Amino acid sequence: MLKREEMLCFSLGVAMRRISKIYADALAGHEITPPQLFLLSCLEAADGQKPRDLAEQVCLDASSLTGLLDRTEKAGLIERRPDPEDRRALRIHLTEQGHKSLSGLHPVVEEVHARIEREFFADYSPQERELFKQMLTRMREVTG
């Protein structure tokens, strides 16, 4: 039988929980969760997206995304608007408060990334880091 350290799921799970905690701790004082940050960053890149496109980008199923949208809208960071091309559909937009929150979070996110680089990748070459990120991207695309 494989030892737990030999199981990819175990190692990835441990790393994911450690990184998630770093994000959660850094964002705690800003009244925003990591999933909300990921959602808002997608909207910052392309505002007015359809919910199904956002679900794909943040890797959530429709019901999980609906809950995330509800919480984020209640916090005043996004708003749902009718799609001008299809009245039955919605588009998700950042509010002014959402833009302000994101602007204030840029330095926080930069520090989180720097901390993760220090704590997780300091012993790896730039090529190894890039290969690891490429592998994760490919895994996400295969399972997406």
C-alpha atoms as a PDB file:
ATOM      1  CA  MET A   1       0.000   0.000   0.000  1.00  0.00           C
ATOM      2  CA  LEU A   2       1.182   3.514  -0.770  1.00  0.00           C
ATOM      3  CA  LYS A   3       2.188   5.748   2.094  1.00  0.00           C
ATOM      4  CA  ARG A   4       0.169   8.930   2.382  1.00  0.00           C
ATOM      5  CA  GLU A   5       3.230  10.987   1.330  1.00  0.00           C
ATOM      6  CA  GLU A   6       3.270   9.021  -1.952  1.00  0.00           C
ATOM      7  CA  MET A   7      -0.346   9.879  -2.720  1.00  0.00           C
ATOM      8  CA  LEU A   8      -0.629  12.941  -4.937  1.00  0.00           C
ATOM      9  CA  CYS A   9      -4.019  13.823  -3.463  1.00  0.00           C
ATOM     10  CA  PHE A  10      -2.557  14.011   0.037  1.00  0.00           C
ATOM     11  CA  SER A  11       0.397  16.212  -0.921  1.00  0.00           C
ATOM     12  CA  LEU A  12      -1.671  18.537  -3.078  1.00  0.00           C
ATOM     13  CA  GLY A  13      -4.324  18.751  -0.364  1.00  0.00           C
ATOM     14  CA  VAL A  14      -1.792  19.740   2.296  1.00  0.00           C
ATOM     15  CA  ALA A  15      -0.239  22.382   0.033  1.00  0.00           C
ATOM     16  CA  MET A  16      -3.667  23.706  -0.980  1.00  0.00           C
ATOM     17  CA  ARG A  17      -4.806  24.048   2.630  1.00  0.00           C
ATOM     18  CA  ARG A  18      -1.592  25.878   3.592  1.00  0.00           C
ATOM     19  CA  ILE A  19      -1.857  28.282   0.662  1.00  0.00           C
ATOM     20  CA  SER A  20      -5.592  28.804   1.235  1.00  0.00           C
ATOM     21  CA  LYS A  21      -4.872  29.729   4.858  1.00  0.00           C
ATOM     22  CA  ILE A  22      -2.297  32.309   3.750  1.00  0.00           C
ATOM     23  CA  TYR A  23      -4.915  33.894   1.461  1.00  0.00           C
ATOM     24  CA  ALA A  24      -7.683  33.723   4.077  1.00  0.00           C
ATOM     25  CA  ASP A  25      -5.481  35.260   6.784  1.00  0.00           C
ATOM     26  CA  ALA A  26      -4.349  38.085   4.492  1.00  0.00           C
ATOM     27  CA  LEU A  27      -7.904  38.858   3.372  1.00  0.00           C
ATOM     28  CA  ALA A  28      -9.602  38.522   6.767  1.00  0.00           C
ATOM     29  CA  GLY A  29      -9.287  42.209   7.643  1.00  0.00           C
ATOM     30  CA  HIS A  30     -10.740  43.206   4.280  1.00  0.00           C
ATOM     31  CA  GLU A  31     -14.060  41.378   4.664  1.00  0.00           C
ATOM     32  CA  ILE A  32     -13.522  39.354   1.502  1.00  0.00           C
ATOM     33  CA  THR A  33     -12.967  35.643   1.038  1.00  0.00           C
ATOM     34  CA  PRO A  34     -10.507  34.003  -1.348  1.00  0.00           C
ATOM     35  CA  PRO A  35     -13.311  32.765  -3.650  1.00  0.00           C
ATOM     36  CA  GLN A  36     -14.708  36.313  -3.779  1.00  0.00           C
ATOM     37  CA  LEU A  37     -11.246  37.608  -4.657  1.00  0.00           C
ATOM     38  CA  PHE A  38     -10.965  35.116  -7.506  1.00  0.00           C
ATOM     39  CA  LEU A  39     -14.418  36.108  -8.773  1.00  0.00           C
ATOM     40  CA  LEU A  40     -13.660  39.824  -8.563  1.00  0.00           C
ATOM     41  CA  SER A  41     -10.325  39.394 -10.325  1.00  0.00           C
ATOM     42  CA  CYS A  42     -12.122  37.689 -13.228  1.00  0.00           C
ATOM     43  CA  LEU A  43     -14.516  40.621 -13.435  1.00  0.00           C
ATOM     44  CA  GLU A  44     -11.654  43.095 -13.202  1.00  0.00           C
ATOM     45  CA  ALA A  45     -10.126  41.444 -16.262  1.00  0.00           C
ATOM     46  CA  ALA A  46     -13.448  41.416 -18.149  1.00  0.00           C
ATOM     47  CA  ASP A  47     -16.435  43.075 -16.518  1.00  0.00           C
ATOM     48  CA  GLY A  48     -19.979  42.118 -17.467  1.00  0.00           C
ATOM     49  CA  GLN A  49     -19.475  38.403 -17.879  1.00  0.00           C
ATOM     50  CA  LYS A  50     -22.176  35.761 -17.991  1.00  0.00           C
ATOM     51  CA  PRO A  51     -22.447  33.570 -14.885  1.00  0.00           C
ATOM     52  CA  ARG A  52     -21.582  30.383 -16.814  1.00  0.00           C
ATOM     53  CA  ASP A  53     -18.339  31.987 -18.054  1.00  0.00           C
ATOM     54  CA  LEU A  54     -17.441  33.033 -14.508  1.00  0.00           C
ATOM     55  CA  ALA A  55     -18.231  29.531 -13.219  1.00  0.00           C
ATOM     56  CA  GLU A  56     -15.777  28.092 -15.711  1.00  0.00           C
ATOM     57  CA  GLN A  57     -13.067  30.591 -14.792  1.00  0.00           C
ATOM     58  CA  VAL A  58     -13.338  30.045 -11.037  1.00  0.00           C
ATOM     59  CA  CYS A  59     -13.908  26.287 -11.482  1.00  0.00           C
ATOM     60  CA  LEU A  60     -17.267  26.125  -9.695  1.00  0.00           C
ATOM     61  CA  ASP A  61     -20.498  24.386 -10.582  1.00  0.00           C
ATOM     62  CA  ALA A  62     -23.589  26.518 -11.197  1.00  0.00           C
ATOM     63  CA  SER A  63     -25.096  26.125  -7.707  1.00  0.00           C
ATOM     64  CA  SER A  64     -21.814  26.958  -5.951  1.00  0.00           C
ATOM     65  CA  LEU A  65     -21.359  29.997  -8.164  1.00  0.00           C
ATOM     66  CA  THR A  66     -24.895  31.185  -7.380  1.00  0.00           C
ATOM     67  CA  GLY A  67     -24.109  31.159  -3.657  1.00  0.00           C
ATOM     68  CA  LEU A  68     -20.840  32.993  -4.252  1.00  0.00           C
ATOM     69  CA  LEU A  69     -22.604  35.585  -6.407  1.00  0.00           C
ATOM     70  CA  ASP A  70     -25.321  36.014  -3.756  1.00  0.00           C
ATOM     71  CA  ARG A  71     -22.773  36.627  -0.977  1.00  0.00           C
ATOM     72  CA  THR A  72     -20.656  38.934  -3.113  1.00  0.00           C
ATOM     73  CA  GLU A  73     -23.682  40.932  -4.278  1.00  0.00           C
ATOM     74  CA  LYS A  74     -24.921  41.219  -0.672  1.00  0.00           C
ATOM     75  CA  ALA A  75     -21.494  42.648   0.232  1.00  0.00           C
ATOM     76  CA  GLY A  76     -22.042  45.318  -2.423  1.00  0.00           C
ATOM     77  CA  LEU A  77     -19.090  44.243  -4.582  1.00  0.00           C
ATOM     78  CA  ILE A  78     -20.982  43.091  -7.675  1.00  0.00           C
ATOM     79  CA  GLU A  79     -24.362  43.516  -9.269  1.00  0.00           C
ATOM     80  CA  ARG A  80     -26.406  41.408 -11.617  1.00  0.00           C
ATOM     81  CA  ARG A  81     -27.765  43.240 -14.644  1.00  0.00           C
ATOM     82  CA  PRO A  82     -29.918  42.056 -17.514  1.00  0.00           C
ATOM     83  CA  ASP A  83     -27.967  41.075 -20.611  1.00  0.00           C
ATOM     84  CA  PRO A  84     -28.725  43.734 -23.251  1.00  0.00           C
ATOM     85  CA  GLU A  85     -28.568  41.046 -25.955  1.00  0.00           C
ATOM     86  CA  ASP A  86     -30.792  38.523 -24.157  1.00  0.00           C
ATOM     87  CA  ARG A  87     -33.312  39.752 -21.564  1.00  0.00           C
ATOM     88  CA  ARG A  88     -33.549  36.271 -20.036  1.00  0.00           C
ATOM     89  CA  ALA A  89     -29.837  36.227 -19.231  1.00  0.00           C
ATOM     90  CA  LEU A  90     -27.760  38.143 -16.711  1.00  0.00           C
ATOM     91  CA  ARG A  91     -24.372  39.780 -16.756  1.00  0.00           C
ATOM     92  CA  ILE A  92     -22.247  40.235 -13.649  1.00  0.00           C
ATOM     93  CA  HIS A  93     -20.603  43.628 -13.088  1.00  0.00           C
ATOM     94  CA  LEU A  94     -18.276  45.070 -10.497  1.00  0.00           C
ATOM     95  CA  THR A  95     -19.785  47.893  -8.485  1.00  0.00           C
ATOM     96  CA  GLU A  96     -17.863  51.026  -7.616  1.00  0.00           C
ATOM     97  CA  GLN A  97     -17.294  49.487  -4.179  1.00  0.00           C
ATOM     98  CA  GLY A  98     -16.017  46.320  -5.874  1.00  0.00           C
ATOM     99  CA  HIS A  99     -13.507  48.349  -7.892  1.00  0.00           C
ATOM    100  CA  LYS A 100     -12.354  50.185  -4.758  1.00  0.00           C
ATOM    101  CA  SER A 101     -12.010  46.948  -2.798  1.00  0.00           C
ATOM    102  CA  LEU A 102      -9.940  45.374  -5.559  1.00  0.00           C
ATOM    103  CA  SER A 103      -7.692  48.426  -5.814  1.00  0.00           C
ATOM    104  CA  GLY A 104      -7.034  48.231  -2.093  1.00  0.00           C
ATOM    105  CA  LEU A 105      -6.331  44.514  -2.335  1.00  0.00           C
ATOM    106  CA  HIS A 106      -3.650  44.702  -5.024  1.00  0.00           C
ATOM    107  CA  PRO A 107      -0.834  45.276  -2.479  1.00  0.00           C
ATOM    108  CA  VAL A 108      -2.267  42.548  -0.225  1.00  0.00           C
ATOM    109  CA  VAL A 109      -2.339  40.044  -3.085  1.00  0.00           C
ATOM    110  CA  GLU A 110       1.192  41.012  -4.107  1.00  0.00           C
ATOM    111  CA  GLU A 111       2.368  40.325  -0.553  1.00  0.00           C
ATOM    112  CA  VAL A 112       0.523  36.989  -0.510  1.00  0.00           C
ATOM    113  CA  HIS A 113       2.245  35.988  -3.750  1.00  0.00           C
ATOM    114  CA  ALA A 114       5.625  37.073  -2.373  1.00  0.00           C
ATOM    115  CA  ARG A 115       5.033  35.080   0.817  1.00  0.00           C
ATOM    116  CA  ILE A 116       4.047  31.977  -1.147  1.00  0.00           C
ATOM    117  CA  GLU A 117       7.163  32.355  -3.314  1.00  0.00           C
ATOM    118  CA  ARG A 118       9.326  32.626  -0.172  1.00  0.00           C
ATOM    119  CA  GLU A 119       7.714  29.806   1.770  1.00  0.00           C
ATOM    120  CA  PHE A 120       7.039  27.310  -1.000  1.00  0.00           C
ATOM    121  CA  PHE A 121       9.390  28.013  -3.899  1.00  0.00           C
ATOM    122  CA  ALA A 122      12.588  29.528  -2.482  1.00  0.00           C
ATOM    123  CA  ASP A 123      14.553  26.310  -3.043  1.00  0.00           C
ATOM    124  CA  TYR A 124      13.461  25.919  -6.664  1.00  0.00           C
ATOM    125  CA  SER A 125      14.930  27.450  -9.803  1.00  0.00           C
ATOM    126  CA  PRO A 126      12.824  29.782 -11.950  1.00  0.00           C
ATOM    127  CA  GLN A 127      12.563  26.978 -14.518  1.00  0.00           C
ATOM    128  CA  GLU A 128      11.270  24.519 -11.909  1.00  0.00           C
ATOM    129  CA  ARG A 129       8.725  27.067 -10.691  1.00  0.00           C
ATOM    130  CA  GLU A 130       7.506  27.684 -14.224  1.00  0.00           C
ATOM    131  CA  LEU A 131       7.275  23.957 -14.945  1.00  0.00           C
ATOM    132  CA  PHE A 132       5.241  23.419 -11.773  1.00  0.00           C
ATOM    133  CA  LYS A 133       2.817  26.205 -12.724  1.00  0.00           C
ATOM    134  CA  GLN A 134       2.494  24.777 -16.238  1.00  0.00           C
ATOM    135  CA  MET A 135       1.748  21.343 -14.801  1.00  0.00           C
ATOM    136  CA  LEU A 136      -0.963  22.752 -12.539  1.00  0.00           C
ATOM    137  CA  THR A 137      -2.485  24.656 -15.457  1.00  0.00           C
ATOM    138  CA  ARG A 138      -2.547  21.519 -17.563  1.00  0.00           C
ATOM    139  CA  MET A 139      -4.146  19.523 -14.724  1.00  0.00           C
ATOM    140  CA  ARG A 140      -6.837  22.189 -14.358  1.00  0.00           C
ATOM    141  CA  GLU A 141      -7.526  22.144 -18.096  1.00  0.00           C
ATOM    142  CA  VAL A 142      -7.724  18.345 -18.264  1.00  0.00           C
ATOM    143  CA  THR A 143     -10.118  18.098 -15.349  1.00  0.00           C
ATOM    144  CA  GLY A 144     -12.043  21.291 -16.168  1.00  0.00           C
END
